PDB file of N, CA and C in Angstrom:
ATOM      1  N   UNK A   1     -14.858 -16.588   6.147  1.00  0.00           N
ATOM      2  CA  UNK A   1     -13.113 -17.107   5.869  1.00  0.00           C
ATOM      3  C   UNK A   1     -12.925 -17.246   7.522  1.00  0.00           C
ATOM      4  N   UNK A   2     -12.803 -18.512   7.931  1.00  0.00           N
ATOM      5  CA  UNK A   2     -12.230 -19.107   9.420  1.00  0.00           C
ATOM      6  C   UNK A   2     -10.674 -18.297   9.840  1.00  0.00           C
ATOM      7  N   UNK A   3     -10.375 -18.571  10.810  1.00  0.00           N
ATOM      8  CA  UNK A   3      -9.196 -17.929  10.995  1.00  0.00           C
ATOM      9  C   UNK A   3      -8.015 -18.878  10.708  1.00  0.00           C
ATOM     10  N   UNK A   4      -8.077 -20.437  10.605  1.00  0.00           N
ATOM     11  CA  UNK A   4      -7.731 -21.175  10.585  1.00  0.00           C
ATOM     12  C   UNK A   4      -7.296 -21.359   8.466  1.00  0.00           C
ATOM     13  N   UNK A   5      -8.383 -20.517   7.957  1.00  0.00           N
ATOM     14  CA  UNK A   5      -7.957 -20.462   6.662  1.00  0.00           C
ATOM     15  C   UNK A   5      -7.192 -19.247   6.255  1.00  0.00           C
ATOM     16  N   UNK A   6      -6.930 -18.287   7.054  1.00  0.00           N
ATOM     17  CA  UNK A   6      -6.118 -17.188   6.719  1.00  0.00           C
ATOM     18  C   UNK A   6      -4.575 -17.402   7.296  1.00  0.00           C
ATOM     19  N   UNK A   7      -3.848 -16.522   6.022  1.00  0.00           N
ATOM     20  CA  UNK A   7      -2.144 -16.781   5.968  1.00  0.00           C
ATOM     21  C   UNK A   7      -1.445 -16.094   7.113  1.00  0.00           C
ATOM     22  N   UNK A   8      -0.908 -16.839   7.782  1.00  0.00           N
ATOM     23  CA  UNK A   8       0.140 -16.091   8.956  1.00  0.00           C
ATOM     24  C   UNK A   8       1.483 -15.845   8.136  1.00  0.00           C
ATOM     25  N   UNK A   9       1.935 -14.775   8.406  1.00  0.00           N
ATOM     26  CA  UNK A   9       3.265 -14.974   7.399  1.00  0.00           C
ATOM     27  C   UNK A   9       4.044 -13.850   8.757  1.00  0.00           C
ATOM     28  N   UNK A  10       5.743 -14.274   8.990  1.00  0.00           N
ATOM     29  CA  UNK A  10       6.622 -13.526  10.154  1.00  0.00           C
ATOM     30  C   UNK A  10       6.838 -12.359   8.749  1.00  0.00           C
ATOM     31  N   UNK A  11       7.137 -10.805   8.872  1.00  0.00           N
ATOM     32  CA  UNK A  11       7.963  -9.906   8.640  1.00  0.00           C
ATOM     33  C   UNK A  11       9.025  -9.434   8.719  1.00  0.00           C
ATOM     34  N   UNK A  12       9.698  -9.020   8.272  1.00  0.00           N
ATOM     35  CA  UNK A  12      10.855  -8.026   8.664  1.00  0.00           C
ATOM     36  C   UNK A  12      10.406  -6.307   8.238  1.00  0.00           C
ATOM     37  N   UNK A  13       9.873  -5.525   9.371  1.00  0.00           N
ATOM     38  CA  UNK A  13      10.000  -4.364   8.675  1.00  0.00           C
ATOM     39  C   UNK A  13      10.453  -3.100   9.847  1.00  0.00           C
ATOM     40  N   UNK A  14      11.511  -2.771   9.169  1.00  0.00           N
ATOM     41  CA  UNK A  14      12.393  -1.468  10.126  1.00  0.00           C
ATOM     42  C   UNK A  14      12.807  -2.221  10.916  1.00  0.00           C
ATOM     43  N   UNK A  15      13.623  -3.078  11.254  1.00  0.00           N
ATOM     44  CA  UNK A  15      14.373  -3.473  12.156  1.00  0.00           C
ATOM     45  C   UNK A  15      13.335  -4.312  13.213  1.00  0.00           C
ATOM     46  N   UNK A  16      12.134  -4.666  13.024  1.00  0.00           N
ATOM     47  CA  UNK A  16      11.062  -5.229  13.917  1.00  0.00           C
ATOM     48  C   UNK A  16      10.339  -6.033  13.079  1.00  0.00           C
ATOM     49  N   UNK A  17      10.347  -7.414  13.793  1.00  0.00           N
ATOM     50  CA  UNK A  17       9.628  -8.527  13.419  1.00  0.00           C
ATOM     51  C   UNK A  17       8.288  -8.354  13.797  1.00  0.00           C
ATOM     52  N   UNK A  18       7.269  -8.884  12.610  1.00  0.00           N
ATOM     53  CA  UNK A  18       5.522  -8.716  12.892  1.00  0.00           C
ATOM     54  C   UNK A  18       5.038 -10.112  11.839  1.00  0.00           C
ATOM     55  N   UNK A  19       4.188 -10.618  13.070  1.00  0.00           N
ATOM     56  CA  UNK A  19       3.610 -11.701  12.547  1.00  0.00           C
ATOM     57  C   UNK A  19       1.973 -11.244  11.875  1.00  0.00           C
ATOM     58  N   UNK A  20       2.145 -11.237  10.366  1.00  0.00           N
ATOM     59  CA  UNK A  20       0.530 -10.466   9.557  1.00  0.00           C
ATOM     60  C   UNK A  20      -0.251 -11.719   9.345  1.00  0.00           C
ATOM     61  N   UNK A  21      -1.321 -11.839   9.989  1.00  0.00           N
ATOM     62  CA  UNK A  21      -2.745 -12.544   9.790  1.00  0.00           C
ATOM     63  C   UNK A  21      -3.846 -12.227   8.478  1.00  0.00           C
ATOM     64  N   UNK A  22      -4.152 -12.759   7.410  1.00  0.00           N
ATOM     65  CA  UNK A  22      -4.606 -11.965   6.693  1.00  0.00           C
ATOM     66  C   UNK A  22      -5.189 -13.192   5.420  1.00  0.00           C
ATOM     67  N   UNK A  23      -5.729 -12.344   4.539  1.00  0.00           N
ATOM     68  CA  UNK A  23      -6.444 -13.667   3.156  1.00  0.00           C
ATOM     69  C   UNK A  23      -5.729 -13.414   2.056  1.00  0.00           C
ATOM     70  N   UNK A  24      -4.539 -12.696   2.272  1.00  0.00           N
ATOM     71  CA  UNK A  24      -3.613 -12.582   1.209  1.00  0.00           C
ATOM     72  C   UNK A  24      -2.606 -13.655   1.296  1.00  0.00           C
ATOM     73  N   UNK A  25      -1.767 -13.596   0.265  1.00  0.00           N
ATOM     74  CA  UNK A  25      -0.818 -14.992  -0.054  1.00  0.00           C
ATOM     75  C   UNK A  25       0.240 -14.378   0.601  1.00  0.00           C
ATOM     76  N   UNK A  26       1.223 -15.343   0.934  1.00  0.00           N
ATOM     77  CA  UNK A  26       2.368 -15.100   1.601  1.00  0.00           C
ATOM     78  C   UNK A  26       3.064 -13.903   0.771  1.00  0.00           C
ATOM     79  N   UNK A  27       3.343 -14.555  -0.518  1.00  0.00           N
ATOM     80  CA  UNK A  27       4.031 -13.705  -1.729  1.00  0.00           C
ATOM     81  C   UNK A  27       3.416 -11.925  -1.643  1.00  0.00           C
ATOM     82  N   UNK A  28       2.456 -11.952  -1.339  1.00  0.00           N
ATOM     83  CA  UNK A  28       1.655 -10.526  -1.300  1.00  0.00           C
ATOM     84  C   UNK A  28       2.062  -9.799  -0.136  1.00  0.00           C
ATOM     85  N   UNK A  29       1.964 -10.769   0.890  1.00  0.00           N
ATOM     86  CA  UNK A  29       2.149 -10.172   2.366  1.00  0.00           C
ATOM     87  C   UNK A  29       3.710  -9.520   2.541  1.00  0.00           C
ATOM     88  N   UNK A  30       4.243 -10.356   2.300  1.00  0.00           N
ATOM     89  CA  UNK A  30       6.046 -10.123   1.807  1.00  0.00           C
ATOM     90  C   UNK A  30       6.140  -8.807   1.133  1.00  0.00           C
ATOM     91  N   UNK A  31       5.888  -9.143  -0.140  1.00  0.00           N
ATOM     92  CA  UNK A  31       6.083  -7.371  -0.859  1.00  0.00           C
ATOM     93  C   UNK A  31       5.171  -6.392  -0.176  1.00  0.00           C
ATOM     94  N   UNK A  32       4.315  -6.318   0.521  1.00  0.00           N
ATOM     95  CA  UNK A  32       3.673  -5.571   0.853  1.00  0.00           C
ATOM     96  C   UNK A  32       4.572  -4.951   2.003  1.00  0.00           C
ATOM     97  N   UNK A  33       5.023  -5.691   3.114  1.00  0.00           N
ATOM     98  CA  UNK A  33       5.985  -5.565   3.893  1.00  0.00           C
ATOM     99  C   UNK A  33       7.243  -4.980   3.387  1.00  0.00           C
ATOM    100  N   UNK A  34       7.766  -5.602   2.926  1.00  0.00           N
ATOM    101  CA  UNK A  34       8.958  -5.057   1.703  1.00  0.00           C
ATOM    102  C   UNK A  34       9.114  -3.436   1.526  1.00  0.00           C
ATOM    103  N   UNK A  35       7.751  -2.813   1.103  1.00  0.00           N
ATOM    104  CA  UNK A  35       7.520  -1.725   0.306  1.00  0.00           C
ATOM    105  C   UNK A  35       7.345  -0.789   1.531  1.00  0.00           C
ATOM    106  N   UNK A  36       6.743  -1.094   2.753  1.00  0.00           N
ATOM    107  CA  UNK A  36       6.588  -0.330   3.797  1.00  0.00           C
ATOM    108  C   UNK A  36       7.959  -0.234   4.305  1.00  0.00           C
ATOM    109  N   UNK A  37       8.918  -0.953   4.394  1.00  0.00           N
ATOM    110  CA  UNK A  37      10.273  -0.901   5.206  1.00  0.00           C
ATOM    111  C   UNK A  37      11.033   0.047   4.354  1.00  0.00           C
ATOM    112  N   UNK A  38      11.170  -0.333   2.626  1.00  0.00           N
ATOM    113  CA  UNK A  38      11.315   0.706   2.322  1.00  0.00           C
ATOM    114  C   UNK A  38      10.937   2.224   1.955  1.00  0.00           C
ATOM    115  N   UNK A  39       9.727   2.251   2.210  1.00  0.00           N
ATOM    116  CA  UNK A  39       8.966   3.689   2.376  1.00  0.00           C
ATOM    117  C   UNK A  39      10.117   4.217   3.639  1.00  0.00           C
ATOM    118  N   UNK A  40      10.184   3.201   4.944  1.00  0.00           N
ATOM    119  CA  UNK A  40       9.979   4.195   5.904  1.00  0.00           C
ATOM    120  C   UNK A  40      11.881   4.071   5.896  1.00  0.00           C
ATOM    121  N   UNK A  41      11.987   3.746   5.263  1.00  0.00           N
ATOM    122  CA  UNK A  41      13.913   3.999   5.130  1.00  0.00           C
ATOM    123  C   UNK A  41      14.217   5.203   4.494  1.00  0.00           C
ATOM    124  N   UNK A  42      13.170   5.012   3.319  1.00  0.00           N
ATOM    125  CA  UNK A  42      13.532   6.525   2.687  1.00  0.00           C
ATOM    126  C   UNK A  42      12.856   7.784   3.032  1.00  0.00           C
ATOM    127  N   UNK A  43      12.344   7.570   4.223  1.00  0.00           N
ATOM    128  CA  UNK A  43      11.645   8.418   4.995  1.00  0.00           C
ATOM    129  C   UNK A  43      13.168   8.886   5.952  1.00  0.00           C
ATOM    130  N   UNK A  44      13.225   7.770   7.062  1.00  0.00           N
ATOM    131  CA  UNK A  44      14.518   7.948   7.460  1.00  0.00           C
ATOM    132  C   UNK A  44      15.994   8.797   7.115  1.00  0.00           C
ATOM    133  N   UNK A  45      16.329   8.376   5.836  1.00  0.00           N
ATOM    134  CA  UNK A  45      17.163   9.060   4.758  1.00  0.00           C
ATOM    135  C   UNK A  45      16.968  10.371   4.514  1.00  0.00           C
ATOM    136  N   UNK A  46      15.532  11.176   4.392  1.00  0.00           N
ATOM    137  CA  UNK A  46      15.849  12.642   4.623  1.00  0.00           C
ATOM    138  C   UNK A  46      15.875  13.242   5.890  1.00  0.00           C
ATOM    139  N   UNK A  47      15.118  12.103   6.902  1.00  0.00           N
ATOM    140  CA  UNK A  47      15.443  12.725   8.220  1.00  0.00           C
ATOM    141  C   UNK A  47      15.425  11.670   9.694  1.00  0.00           C
ATOM    142  N   UNK A  48      16.409  11.614   9.648  1.00  0.00           N
ATOM    143  CA  UNK A  48      17.165  11.008  10.650  1.00  0.00           C
ATOM    144  C   UNK A  48      16.720  11.477  12.091  1.00  0.00           C
ATOM    145  N   UNK A  49      16.460  12.129  12.160  1.00  0.00           N
ATOM    146  CA  UNK A  49      16.004  12.667  14.013  1.00  0.00           C
ATOM    147  C   UNK A  49      14.558  12.259  14.295  1.00  0.00           C
ATOM    148  N   UNK A  50      13.963  11.597  13.165  1.00  0.00           N
ATOM    149  CA  UNK A  50      12.501  11.363  13.625  1.00  0.00           C
ATOM    150  C   UNK A  50      12.798   9.849  14.494  1.00  0.00           C
ATOM    151  N   UNK A  51      11.595   9.108  15.743  1.00  0.00           N
ATOM    152  CA  UNK A  51      12.012   8.397  16.066  1.00  0.00           C
ATOM    153  C   UNK A  51      10.807   7.384  15.370  1.00  0.00           C
ATOM    154  N   UNK A  52      10.687   6.249  15.817  1.00  0.00           N
ATOM    155  CA  UNK A  52       9.835   5.052  15.133  1.00  0.00           C
ATOM    156  C   UNK A  52       8.829   5.296  15.042  1.00  0.00           C
ATOM    157  N   UNK A  53       8.083   6.128  15.944  1.00  0.00           N
ATOM    158  CA  UNK A  53       6.516   6.682  15.987  1.00  0.00           C
ATOM    159  C   UNK A  53       6.375   7.687  14.721  1.00  0.00           C
ATOM    160  N   UNK A  54       6.987   8.288  15.078  1.00  0.00           N
ATOM    161  CA  UNK A  54       6.840   9.521  13.482  1.00  0.00           C
ATOM    162  C   UNK A  54       7.244   9.087  12.400  1.00  0.00           C
ATOM    163  N   UNK A  55       8.521   8.311  12.546  1.00  0.00           N
ATOM    164  CA  UNK A  55       8.385   7.741  10.973  1.00  0.00           C
ATOM    165  C   UNK A  55       7.548   7.096  10.598  1.00  0.00           C
ATOM    166  N   UNK A  56       6.965   5.927  11.547  1.00  0.00           N
ATOM    167  CA  UNK A  56       5.583   5.263  10.813  1.00  0.00           C
ATOM    168  C   UNK A  56       4.539   5.738  10.520  1.00  0.00           C
ATOM    169  N   UNK A  57       4.485   6.795  11.168  1.00  0.00           N
ATOM    170  CA  UNK A  57       2.894   7.872  10.737  1.00  0.00           C
ATOM    171  C   UNK A  57       3.421   8.600   9.597  1.00  0.00           C
ATOM    172  N   UNK A  58       4.632   9.208   9.794  1.00  0.00           N
ATOM    173  CA  UNK A  58       4.981   9.818   7.979  1.00  0.00           C
ATOM    174  C   UNK A  58       4.881   8.976   6.861  1.00  0.00           C
ATOM    175  N   UNK A  59       5.184   7.433   7.205  1.00  0.00           N
ATOM    176  CA  UNK A  59       5.186   6.454   6.277  1.00  0.00           C
ATOM    177  C   UNK A  59       4.104   6.216   5.929  1.00  0.00           C
ATOM    178  N   UNK A  60       2.820   6.240   6.909  1.00  0.00           N
ATOM    179  CA  UNK A  60       1.423   5.911   6.131  1.00  0.00           C
ATOM    180  C   UNK A  60       0.752   6.934   5.506  1.00  0.00           C
ATOM    181  N   UNK A  61       1.132   8.383   5.739  1.00  0.00           N
ATOM    182  CA  UNK A  61       0.732   9.990   5.498  1.00  0.00           C
ATOM    183  C   UNK A  61       1.081   9.816   4.268  1.00  0.00           C
ATOM    184  N   UNK A  62       2.329   9.181   3.776  1.00  0.00           N
ATOM    185  CA  UNK A  62       2.993   9.085   2.077  1.00  0.00           C
ATOM    186  C   UNK A  62       2.083   8.317   1.572  1.00  0.00           C
ATOM    187  N   UNK A  63       1.866   7.034   2.377  1.00  0.00           N
ATOM    188  CA  UNK A  63       1.242   5.985   1.204  1.00  0.00           C
ATOM    189  C   UNK A  63      -0.068   6.231   0.924  1.00  0.00           C
ATOM    190  N   UNK A  64      -0.717   6.736   2.349  1.00  0.00           N
ATOM    191  CA  UNK A  64      -2.062   7.133   2.091  1.00  0.00           C
ATOM    192  C   UNK A  64      -2.084   8.224   0.675  1.00  0.00           C
ATOM    193  N   UNK A  65      -1.655   9.524   0.965  1.00  0.00           N
ATOM    194  CA  UNK A  65      -1.254  10.346  -0.240  1.00  0.00           C
ATOM    195  C   UNK A  65      -1.010   9.741  -2.020  1.00  0.00           C
ATOM    196  N   UNK A  66       0.058   8.710  -1.557  1.00  0.00           N
ATOM    197  CA  UNK A  66       0.041   8.191  -3.215  1.00  0.00           C
ATOM    198  C   UNK A  66      -1.101   7.357  -3.313  1.00  0.00           C
ATOM    199  N   UNK A  67      -1.694   6.556  -2.801  1.00  0.00           N
ATOM    200  CA  UNK A  67      -3.616   6.001  -2.977  1.00  0.00           C
ATOM    201  C   UNK A  67      -4.078   6.742  -2.809  1.00  0.00           C
ATOM    202  N   UNK A  68      -4.278   8.028  -2.564  1.00  0.00           N
ATOM    203  CA  UNK A  68      -5.254   8.461  -3.061  1.00  0.00           C
ATOM    204  C   UNK A  68      -5.231   9.380  -4.702  1.00  0.00           C
ATOM    205  N   UNK A  69      -3.633   9.783  -4.898  1.00  0.00           N
ATOM    206  CA  UNK A  69      -3.880  10.014  -6.151  1.00  0.00           C
ATOM    207  C   UNK A  69      -3.941   9.041  -7.208  1.00  0.00           C
ATOM    208  N   UNK A  70      -3.098   7.524  -6.972  1.00  0.00           N
ATOM    209  CA  UNK A  70      -3.724   6.647  -7.792  1.00  0.00           C
ATOM    210  C   UNK A  70      -5.309   6.283  -7.859  1.00  0.00           C
ATOM    211  N   UNK A  71      -5.941   6.491  -6.718  1.00  0.00           N
ATOM    212  CA  UNK A  71      -7.064   6.247  -7.112  1.00  0.00           C
ATOM    213  C   UNK A  71      -8.014   7.307  -7.586  1.00  0.00           C
ATOM    214  N   UNK A  72      -7.588   8.406  -7.858  1.00  0.00           N
ATOM    215  CA  UNK A  72      -8.078   9.989  -8.607  1.00  0.00           C
ATOM    216  C   UNK A  72      -7.315   9.516 -10.047  1.00  0.00           C
ATOM    217  N   UNK A  73      -6.471   9.453 -10.401  1.00  0.00           N
ATOM    218  CA  UNK A  73      -5.884   8.622 -11.923  1.00  0.00           C
ATOM    219  C   UNK A  73      -6.906   7.423 -12.107  1.00  0.00           C
ATOM    220  N   UNK A  74      -7.069   6.829 -11.359  1.00  0.00           N
ATOM    221  CA  UNK A  74      -7.660   5.337 -11.714  1.00  0.00           C
ATOM    222  C   UNK A  74      -9.363   5.792 -12.398  1.00  0.00           C
ATOM    223  N   UNK A  75      -9.886   6.922 -11.345  1.00  0.00           N
ATOM    224  CA  UNK A  75     -11.143   7.386 -11.322  1.00  0.00           C
ATOM    225  C   UNK A  75     -11.496   7.839 -12.826  1.00  0.00           C
ATOM    226  N   UNK A  76     -10.329   8.714 -12.794  1.00  0.00           N
ATOM    227  CA  UNK A  76     -10.362   9.570 -14.490  1.00  0.00           C
ATOM    228  C   UNK A  76     -10.130   8.756 -15.461  1.00  0.00           C
ATOM    229  N   UNK A  77      -9.539   7.711 -15.094  1.00  0.00           N
ATOM    230  CA  UNK A  77      -9.736   6.694 -16.616  1.00  0.00           C
ATOM    231  C   UNK A  77     -10.844   5.861 -16.438  1.00  0.00           C
ATOM    232  N   UNK A  78     -11.516   5.597 -15.676  1.00  0.00           N
ATOM    233  CA  UNK A  78     -12.777   4.406 -15.732  1.00  0.00           C
ATOM    234  C   UNK A  78     -13.707   5.845 -16.278  1.00  0.00           C
ATOM    235  N   UNK A  79     -13.744   6.913 -15.852  1.00  0.00           N
ATOM    236  CA  UNK A  79     -14.672   7.799 -16.315  1.00  0.00           C
ATOM    237  C   UNK A  79     -14.201   8.204 -18.244  1.00  0.00           C
ATOM    238  N   UNK A  80     -13.222   8.329 -18.615  1.00  0.00           N
ATOM    239  CA  UNK A  80     -12.764   8.016 -19.602  1.00  0.00           C
ATOM    240  C   UNK A  80     -13.143   6.969 -20.712  1.00  0.00           C
ATOM    241  N   UNK A  81     -13.147   6.028 -20.009  1.00  0.00           N
ATOM    242  CA  UNK A  81     -13.402   5.052 -21.024  1.00  0.00           C
ATOM    243  C   UNK A  81     -14.628   4.610 -20.961  1.00  0.00           C
ATOM    244  N   UNK A  82     -15.552   5.341 -20.312  1.00  0.00           N
ATOM    245  CA  UNK A  82     -16.985   5.001 -19.933  1.00  0.00           C
ATOM    246  C   UNK A  82     -17.304   6.201 -20.892  1.00  0.00           C
ATOM    247  N   UNK A  83     -16.499   7.476 -21.030  1.00  0.00           N
ATOM    248  CA  UNK A  83     -17.411   8.159 -21.816  1.00  0.00           C
ATOM    249  C   UNK A  83     -17.143   7.644 -23.766  1.00  0.00           C
ATOM    250  N   UNK A  84     -15.716   7.472 -23.727  1.00  0.00           N
ATOM    251  CA  UNK A  84     -15.974   7.082 -24.831  1.00  0.00           C
ATOM    252  C   UNK A  84     -16.667   5.307 -25.356  1.00  0.00           C
ATOM    253  N   UNK A  85     -17.159   5.163 -24.286  1.00  0.00           N
ATOM    254  CA  UNK A  85     -17.830   3.639 -24.770  1.00  0.00           C
ATOM    255  C   UNK A  85     -19.501   4.565 -24.860  1.00  0.00           C
ATOM    256  N   UNK A  86     -19.583   5.593 -24.166  1.00  0.00           N
ATOM    257  CA  UNK A  86     -21.145   6.082 -24.541  1.00  0.00           C
ATOM    258  C   UNK A  86     -20.791   6.808 -25.527  1.00  0.00           C
ATOM    259  N   UNK A  87     -19.976   7.125 -26.555  1.00  0.00           N
ATOM    260  CA  UNK A  87     -19.928   7.819 -27.689  1.00  0.00           C
ATOM    261  C   UNK A  87     -19.864   7.108 -28.376  1.00  0.00           C
ATOM    262  N   UNK A  88     -19.221   5.723 -28.577  1.00  0.00           N
ATOM    263  CA  UNK A  88     -19.477   4.766 -29.422  1.00  0.00           C
ATOM    264  C   UNK A  88     -20.776   4.366 -29.600  1.00  0.00           C
ATOM    265  N   UNK A  89     -21.166   3.989 -28.431  1.00  0.00           N
ATOM    266  CA  UNK A  89     -22.535   3.746 -28.204  1.00  0.00           C
ATOM    267  C   UNK A  89     -23.918   4.381 -29.694  1.00  0.00           C
ATOM    268  N   UNK A  90     -23.566   5.388 -29.088  1.00  0.00           N
ATOM    269  CA  UNK A  90     -24.625   6.474 -30.467  1.00  0.00           C
ATOM    270  C   UNK A  90     -23.740   6.992 -31.629  1.00  0.00           C
ATOM    271  N   UNK A  91     -22.517   6.780 -31.807  1.00  0.00           N
ATOM    272  CA  UNK A  91     -21.996   6.717 -33.406  1.00  0.00           C
ATOM    273  C   UNK A  91     -22.637   5.241 -34.223  1.00  0.00           C
TER     274      UNK A  91
END
């Protein structure tokens, strides 16, 4: 995919404007930016003394933690489905 084929969208995250260039459609990019903004504001509400850099790092850590938990759940579900399919094949 060439650079001209990529989506270019401007979003606002925690009061700053960013231009995101990527392969996802504009709606998806706006949704992701909105979720990041929301998570940063949630964390800020709990600890108002954090500067923006620390807030961004905590947001990234929280987001990756959520991602890893979901990935583990997904893997468990895939394995469960695979085991059921194998059992049905043997019955």
